[in-house]
Each structure stands twice: as C-alpha cells, then as structure tokens.
Amino acid sequence: MAATATLSSKYQISIPKSVRDEQHWQAGQQFVFIPKGKGMLVMPVPSFEQLKGIAVGADPTDFRDRNDRF
C-alpha cells in the first residue's frame, strides 16, 4: 500500500518515514514541485555536483538562441 500524509491547517505535509528512508531524503534538503495533471511531482533539487557531466555527448551545433524564441 502507498504511504499517505495529511495536509495540516498550516498547509504542511510530513513525508512518511518509509518514503524518506527509501529515497534517502534528509532534513533541510530542498525540493521542487512540478505540476502533473491533477497531481504534483515532488523531486529533490540536485546539487551542482550531481549535474556535472549530464550533457556529455550532447550535440552543441543545433541549439536555440534567445533570438529565435520569439
């Protein structure tokens, strides 16, 4: 069964311990909220170290510039 939580009167949600342990989430960690239809995707904000090398092998010749956005 999925873990559940209740929205408090102060609009706060406590993440169940089983979820925190499984995801290795720590106190003070920042999260991003991404709307998905009628739900919300909650993901930890990655550190710069975690993003290092994410674009290795990307083709830099076909990119959009600010001038071709409008």
PDB file of N, CA and C in Angstrom:
ATOM      1  N   MET A   1       0.844  -1.188   0.000  1.00  0.00           N
ATOM      2  CA  MET A   1       0.000   0.000   0.000  1.00  0.00           C
ATOM      3  C   MET A   1       0.885   1.244   0.000  1.00  0.00           C
ATOM      4  N   ALA A   2       0.454   2.275  -0.689  1.00  0.00           N
ATOM      5  CA  ALA A   2       1.209   3.520  -0.755  1.00  0.00           C
ATOM      6  C   ALA A   2       1.138   4.259   0.582  1.00  0.00           C
ATOM      7  N   ALA A   3       2.204   4.967   0.899  1.00  0.00           N
ATOM      8  CA  ALA A   3       2.221   5.775   2.114  1.00  0.00           C
ATOM      9  C   ALA A   3       1.351   7.011   1.889  1.00  0.00           C
ATOM     10  N   THR A   4       0.682   7.460   2.919  1.00  0.00           N
ATOM     11  CA  THR A   4      -0.181   8.638   2.811  1.00  0.00           C
ATOM     12  C   THR A   4       0.217   9.674   3.854  1.00  0.00           C
ATOM     13  N   ALA A   5      -0.204  10.911   3.610  1.00  0.00           N
ATOM     14  CA  ALA A   5       0.029  12.013   4.547  1.00  0.00           C
ATOM     15  C   ALA A   5      -1.179  12.934   4.498  1.00  0.00           C
ATOM     16  N   THR A   6      -1.350  13.747   5.523  1.00  0.00           N
ATOM     17  CA  THR A   6      -2.472  14.673   5.612  1.00  0.00           C
ATOM     18  C   THR A   6      -1.972  16.107   5.586  1.00  0.00           C
ATOM     19  N   LEU A   7      -2.636  16.954   4.819  1.00  0.00           N
ATOM     20  CA  LEU A   7      -2.303  18.372   4.763  1.00  0.00           C
ATOM     21  C   LEU A   7      -2.797  19.034   6.047  1.00  0.00           C
ATOM     22  N   SER A   8      -1.900  19.708   6.770  1.00  0.00           N
ATOM     23  CA  SER A   8      -2.269  20.332   8.043  1.00  0.00           C
ATOM     24  C   SER A   8      -2.982  21.667   7.798  1.00  0.00           C
ATOM     25  N   SER A   9      -3.508  22.253   8.876  1.00  0.00           N
ATOM     26  CA  SER A   9      -4.187  23.550   8.777  1.00  0.00           C
ATOM     27  C   SER A   9      -3.217  24.666   8.377  1.00  0.00           C
ATOM     28  N   LYS A  10      -1.909  24.402   8.525  1.00  0.00           N
ATOM     29  CA  LYS A  10      -0.878  25.363   8.103  1.00  0.00           C
ATOM     30  C   LYS A  10      -0.352  25.028   6.712  1.00  0.00           C
ATOM     31  N   TYR A  11      -1.056  24.149   5.997  1.00  0.00           N
ATOM     32  CA  TYR A  11      -0.710  23.713   4.642  1.00  0.00           C
ATOM     33  C   TYR A  11       0.659  23.044   4.584  1.00  0.00           C
ATOM     34  N   GLN A  12       0.949  22.242   5.586  1.00  0.00           N
ATOM     35  CA  GLN A  12       2.194  21.483   5.638  1.00  0.00           C
ATOM     36  C   GLN A  12       1.887  19.999   5.547  1.00  0.00           C
ATOM     37  N   ILE A  13       2.826  19.261   4.925  1.00  0.00           N
ATOM     38  CA  ILE A  13       2.712  17.814   4.824  1.00  0.00           C
ATOM     39  C   ILE A  13       3.994  17.207   5.366  1.00  0.00           C
ATOM     40  N   SER A  14       3.859  16.224   6.247  1.00  0.00           N
ATOM     41  CA  SER A  14       5.020  15.483   6.735  1.00  0.00           C
ATOM     42  C   SER A  14       5.213  14.272   5.830  1.00  0.00           C
ATOM     43  N   ILE A  15       6.419  14.106   5.316  1.00  0.00           N
ATOM     44  CA  ILE A  15       6.716  12.968   4.440  1.00  0.00           C
ATOM     45  C   ILE A  15       6.897  11.735   5.325  1.00  0.00           C
ATOM     46  N   PRO A  16       6.161  10.662   5.035  1.00  0.00           N
ATOM     47  CA  PRO A  16       6.268   9.459   5.866  1.00  0.00           C
ATOM     48  C   PRO A  16       7.706   8.933   5.938  1.00  0.00           C
ATOM     49  N   LYS A  17       8.078   8.393   7.093  1.00  0.00           N
ATOM     50  CA  LYS A  17       9.433   7.900   7.321  1.00  0.00           C
ATOM     51  C   LYS A  17       9.834   6.842   6.304  1.00  0.00           C
ATOM     52  N   SER A  18       8.900   5.979   5.925  1.00  0.00           N
ATOM     53  CA  SER A  18       9.232   4.935   4.952  1.00  0.00           C
ATOM     54  C   SER A  18       9.664   5.529   3.610  1.00  0.00           C
ATOM     55  N   VAL A  19       9.037   6.627   3.212  1.00  0.00           N
ATOM     56  CA  VAL A  19       9.394   7.304   1.955  1.00  0.00           C
ATOM     57  C   VAL A  19      10.749   7.991   2.099  1.00  0.00           C
ATOM     58  N   ARG A  20      10.950   8.706   3.220  1.00  0.00           N
ATOM     59  CA  ARG A  20      12.236   9.395   3.456  1.00  0.00           C
ATOM     60  C   ARG A  20      13.384   8.406   3.450  1.00  0.00           C
ATOM     61  N   ASP A  21      13.205   7.280   4.110  1.00  0.00           N
ATOM     62  CA  ASP A  21      14.260   6.268   4.176  1.00  0.00           C
ATOM     63  C   ASP A  21      14.536   5.658   2.805  1.00  0.00           C
ATOM     64  N   GLU A  22      13.484   5.335   2.072  1.00  0.00           N
ATOM     65  CA  GLU A  22      13.645   4.711   0.753  1.00  0.00           C
ATOM     66  C   GLU A  22      14.348   5.645  -0.231  1.00  0.00           C
ATOM     67  N   GLN A  23      14.031   6.955  -0.148  1.00  0.00           N
ATOM     68  CA  GLN A  23      14.592   7.941  -1.077  1.00  0.00           C
ATOM     69  C   GLN A  23      15.884   8.585  -0.562  1.00  0.00           C
ATOM     70  N   HIS A  24      16.255   8.289   0.677  1.00  0.00           N
ATOM     71  CA  HIS A  24      17.452   8.870   1.311  1.00  0.00           C
ATOM     72  C   HIS A  24      17.350  10.391   1.414  1.00  0.00           C
ATOM     73  N   TRP A  25      16.152  10.881   1.714  1.00  0.00           N
ATOM     74  CA  TRP A  25      15.942  12.311   1.881  1.00  0.00           C
ATOM     75  C   TRP A  25      16.334  12.716   3.293  1.00  0.00           C
ATOM     76  N   GLN A  26      16.929  13.920   3.408  1.00  0.00           N
ATOM     77  CA  GLN A  26      17.418  14.415   4.690  1.00  0.00           C
ATOM     78  C   GLN A  26      16.735  15.734   5.056  1.00  0.00           C
ATOM     79  N   ALA A  27      16.722  16.048   6.344  1.00  0.00           N
ATOM     80  CA  ALA A  27      16.178  17.323   6.809  1.00  0.00           C
ATOM     81  C   ALA A  27      16.993  18.457   6.206  1.00  0.00           C
ATOM     82  N   GLY A  28      16.319  19.505   5.782  1.00  0.00           N
ATOM     83  CA  GLY A  28      16.983  20.664   5.200  1.00  0.00           C
ATOM     84  C   GLY A  28      17.171  20.570   3.691  1.00  0.00           C
ATOM     85  N   GLN A  29      16.891  19.416   3.115  1.00  0.00           N
ATOM     86  CA  GLN A  29      17.034  19.232   1.674  1.00  0.00           C
ATOM     87  C   GLN A  29      15.932  20.023   0.953  1.00  0.00           C
ATOM     88  N   GLN A  30      16.269  20.634  -0.198  1.00  0.00           N
ATOM     89  CA  GLN A  30      15.294  21.401  -0.958  1.00  0.00           C
ATOM     90  C   GLN A  30      14.624  20.535  -2.015  1.00  0.00           C
ATOM     91  N   PHE A  31      13.351  20.850  -2.310  1.00  0.00           N
ATOM     92  CA  PHE A  31      12.571  20.099  -3.276  1.00  0.00           C
ATOM     93  C   PHE A  31      11.921  21.031  -4.277  1.00  0.00           C
ATOM     94  N   VAL A  32      11.652  20.508  -5.457  1.00  0.00           N
ATOM     95  CA  VAL A  32      10.939  21.240  -6.495  1.00  0.00           C
ATOM     96  C   VAL A  32       9.594  20.555  -6.699  1.00  0.00           C
ATOM     97  N   PHE A  33       8.553  21.344  -6.945  1.00  0.00           N
ATOM     98  CA  PHE A  33       7.211  20.834  -7.175  1.00  0.00           C
ATOM     99  C   PHE A  33       6.852  21.064  -8.635  1.00  0.00           C
ATOM    100  N   ILE A  34       6.564  19.973  -9.359  1.00  0.00           N
ATOM    101  CA  ILE A  34       6.286  20.040 -10.789  1.00  0.00           C
ATOM    102  C   ILE A  34       4.846  19.585 -11.017  1.00  0.00           C
ATOM    103  N   PRO A  35       3.983  20.496 -11.537  1.00  0.00           N
ATOM    104  CA  PRO A  35       2.593  20.107 -11.784  1.00  0.00           C
ATOM    105  C   PRO A  35       2.495  19.004 -12.837  1.00  0.00           C
ATOM    106  N   LYS A  36       1.693  17.989 -12.558  1.00  0.00           N
ATOM    107  CA  LYS A  36       1.459  16.871 -13.475  1.00  0.00           C
ATOM    108  C   LYS A  36      -0.039  16.577 -13.489  1.00  0.00           C
ATOM    109  N   GLY A  37      -0.759  17.149 -14.442  1.00  0.00           N
ATOM    110  CA  GLY A  37      -2.211  16.947 -14.496  1.00  0.00           C
ATOM    111  C   GLY A  37      -2.858  17.462 -13.226  1.00  0.00           C
ATOM    112  N   LYS A  38      -3.565  16.585 -12.521  1.00  0.00           N
ATOM    113  CA  LYS A  38      -4.206  16.978 -11.265  1.00  0.00           C
ATOM    114  C   LYS A  38      -3.326  16.672 -10.063  1.00  0.00           C
ATOM    115  N   GLY A  39      -2.119  16.180 -10.318  1.00  0.00           N
ATOM    116  CA  GLY A  39      -1.204  15.837  -9.235  1.00  0.00           C
ATOM    117  C   GLY A  39       0.028  16.723  -9.234  1.00  0.00           C
ATOM    118  N   MET A  40       1.008  16.320  -8.446  1.00  0.00           N
ATOM    119  CA  MET A  40       2.230  17.080  -8.287  1.00  0.00           C
ATOM    120  C   MET A  40       3.396  16.103  -8.156  1.00  0.00           C
ATOM    121  N   LEU A  41       4.446  16.335  -8.922  1.00  0.00           N
ATOM    122  CA  LEU A  41       5.658  15.539  -8.823  1.00  0.00           C
ATOM    123  C   LEU A  41       6.602  16.284  -7.884  1.00  0.00           C
ATOM    124  N   VAL A  42       7.083  15.618  -6.854  1.00  0.00           N
ATOM    125  CA  VAL A  42       7.993  16.219  -5.872  1.00  0.00           C
ATOM    126  C   VAL A  42       9.359  15.563  -6.044  1.00  0.00           C
ATOM    127  N   MET A  43      10.364  16.387  -6.341  1.00  0.00           N
ATOM    128  CA  MET A  43      11.714  15.862  -6.555  1.00  0.00           C
ATOM    129  C   MET A  43      12.728  16.714  -5.807  1.00  0.00           C
ATOM    130  N   PRO A  44      13.792  16.090  -5.292  1.00  0.00           N
ATOM    131  CA  PRO A  44      14.838  16.887  -4.651  1.00  0.00           C
ATOM    132  C   PRO A  44      15.575  17.718  -5.698  1.00  0.00           C
ATOM    133  N   VAL A  45      15.954  18.926  -5.321  1.00  0.00           N
ATOM    134  CA  VAL A  45      16.736  19.791  -6.200  1.00  0.00           C
ATOM    135  C   VAL A  45      18.153  19.228  -6.237  1.00  0.00           C
ATOM    136  N   PRO A  46      18.669  18.923  -7.429  1.00  0.00           N
ATOM    137  CA  PRO A  46      20.016  18.350  -7.496  1.00  0.00           C
ATOM    138  C   PRO A  46      21.085  19.392  -7.185  1.00  0.00           C
ATOM    139  N   SER A  47      22.204  18.942  -6.636  1.00  0.00           N
ATOM    140  CA  SER A  47      23.340  19.834  -6.394  1.00  0.00           C
ATOM    141  C   SER A  47      24.107  20.001  -7.691  1.00  0.00           C
ATOM    142  N   PHE A  48      24.974  20.985  -7.759  1.00  0.00           N
ATOM    143  CA  PHE A  48      25.793  21.190  -8.952  1.00  0.00           C
ATOM    144  C   PHE A  48      26.671  19.972  -9.215  1.00  0.00           C
ATOM    145  N   GLU A  49      27.137  19.337  -8.169  1.00  0.00           N
ATOM    146  CA  GLU A  49      27.979  18.146  -8.326  1.00  0.00           C
ATOM    147  C   GLU A  49      27.199  17.008  -8.987  1.00  0.00           C
ATOM    148  N   GLN A  50      25.923  16.882  -8.655  1.00  0.00           N
ATOM    149  CA  GLN A  50      25.105  15.832  -9.258  1.00  0.00           C
ATOM    150  C   GLN A  50      24.826  16.107 -10.735  1.00  0.00           C
ATOM    151  N   LEU A  51      24.863  17.378 -11.141  1.00  0.00           N
ATOM    152  CA  LEU A  51      24.599  17.738 -12.535  1.00  0.00           C
ATOM    153  C   LEU A  51      25.848  17.663 -13.411  1.00  0.00           C
ATOM    154  N   LYS A  52      27.002  17.541 -12.777  1.00  0.00           N
ATOM    155  CA  LYS A  52      28.257  17.508 -13.522  1.00  0.00           C
ATOM    156  C   LYS A  52      28.258  16.338 -14.506  1.00  0.00           C
ATOM    157  N   GLY A  53      28.516  16.646 -15.787  1.00  0.00           N
ATOM    158  CA  GLY A  53      28.604  15.623 -16.820  1.00  0.00           C
ATOM    159  C   GLY A  53      27.278  15.209 -17.414  1.00  0.00           C
ATOM    160  N   ILE A  54      26.186  15.885 -17.057  1.00  0.00           N
ATOM    161  CA  ILE A  54      24.864  15.468 -17.524  1.00  0.00           C
ATOM    162  C   ILE A  54      24.705  15.667 -19.037  1.00  0.00           C
ATOM    163  N   ALA A  55      25.442  16.605 -19.619  1.00  0.00           N
ATOM    164  CA  ALA A  55      25.299  16.880 -21.053  1.00  0.00           C
ATOM    165  C   ALA A  55      26.452  16.314 -21.880  1.00  0.00           C
ATOM    166  N   VAL A  56      27.214  15.393 -21.323  1.00  0.00           N
ATOM    167  CA  VAL A  56      28.313  14.790 -22.071  1.00  0.00           C
ATOM    168  C   VAL A  56      27.747  14.099 -23.307  1.00  0.00           C
ATOM    169  N   GLY A  57      28.316  14.404 -24.445  1.00  0.00           N
ATOM    170  CA  GLY A  57      27.872  13.787 -25.695  1.00  0.00           C
ATOM    171  C   GLY A  57      26.750  14.539 -26.386  1.00  0.00           C
ATOM    172  N   ALA A  58      26.268  15.634 -25.803  1.00  0.00           N
ATOM    173  CA  ALA A  58      25.203  16.408 -26.440  1.00  0.00           C
ATOM    174  C   ALA A  58      25.754  17.136 -27.666  1.00  0.00           C
ATOM    175  N   ASP A  59      24.919  17.294 -28.691  1.00  0.00           N
ATOM    176  CA  ASP A  59      25.308  17.976 -29.925  1.00  0.00           C
ATOM    177  C   ASP A  59      25.151  19.485 -29.734  1.00  0.00           C
ATOM    178  N   PRO A  60      26.250  20.253 -29.655  1.00  0.00           N
ATOM    179  CA  PRO A  60      26.154  21.690 -29.405  1.00  0.00           C
ATOM    180  C   PRO A  60      25.869  22.511 -30.667  1.00  0.00           C
ATOM    181  N   THR A  61      25.741  21.886 -31.823  1.00  0.00           N
ATOM    182  CA  THR A  61      25.568  22.644 -33.070  1.00  0.00           C
ATOM    183  C   THR A  61      24.130  23.032 -33.339  1.00  0.00           C
ATOM    184  N   ASP A  62      23.149  22.350 -32.780  1.00  0.00           N
ATOM    185  CA  ASP A  62      21.749  22.622 -33.072  1.00  0.00           C
ATOM    186  C   ASP A  62      21.032  23.056 -31.803  1.00  0.00           C
ATOM    187  N   PHE A  63      21.298  24.290 -31.368  1.00  0.00           N
ATOM    188  CA  PHE A  63      20.673  24.791 -30.152  1.00  0.00           C
ATOM    189  C   PHE A  63      19.871  26.045 -30.468  1.00  0.00           C
ATOM    190  N   ARG A  64      18.909  26.329 -29.615  1.00  0.00           N
ATOM    191  CA  ARG A  64      18.109  27.546 -29.773  1.00  0.00           C
ATOM    192  C   ARG A  64      18.774  28.669 -29.026  1.00  0.00           C
ATOM    193  N   ASP A  65      18.786  29.821 -29.653  1.00  0.00           N
ATOM    194  CA  ASP A  65      19.332  31.027 -29.038  1.00  0.00           C
ATOM    195  C   ASP A  65      18.153  31.881 -28.562  1.00  0.00           C
ATOM    196  N   ARG A  66      18.449  32.875 -27.773  1.00  0.00           N
ATOM    197  CA  ARG A  66      17.379  33.767 -27.305  1.00  0.00           C
ATOM    198  C   ARG A  66      16.693  34.449 -28.486  1.00  0.00           C
ATOM    199  N   ASN A  67      17.414  34.714 -29.555  1.00  0.00           N
ATOM    200  CA  ASN A  67      16.837  35.431 -30.697  1.00  0.00           C
ATOM    201  C   ASN A  67      15.761  34.626 -31.426  1.00  0.00           C
ATOM    202  N   ASP A  68      15.814  33.318 -31.396  1.00  0.00           N
ATOM    203  CA  ASP A  68      14.803  32.540 -32.126  1.00  0.00           C
ATOM    204  C   ASP A  68      13.701  31.996 -31.214  1.00  0.00           C
ATOM    205  N   ARG A  69      13.520  32.600 -30.058  1.00  0.00           N
ATOM    206  CA  ARG A  69      12.426  32.195 -29.167  1.00  0.00           C
ATOM    207  C   ARG A  69      11.143  32.937 -29.482  1.00  0.00           C
ATOM    208  N   PHE A  70      11.255  34.104 -30.090  1.00  0.00           N
ATOM    209  CA  PHE A  70      10.067  34.942 -30.337  1.00  0.00           C
ATOM    210  C   PHE A  70       9.825  35.100 -31.807  1.00  0.00           C
TER     211      PHE A  70
END
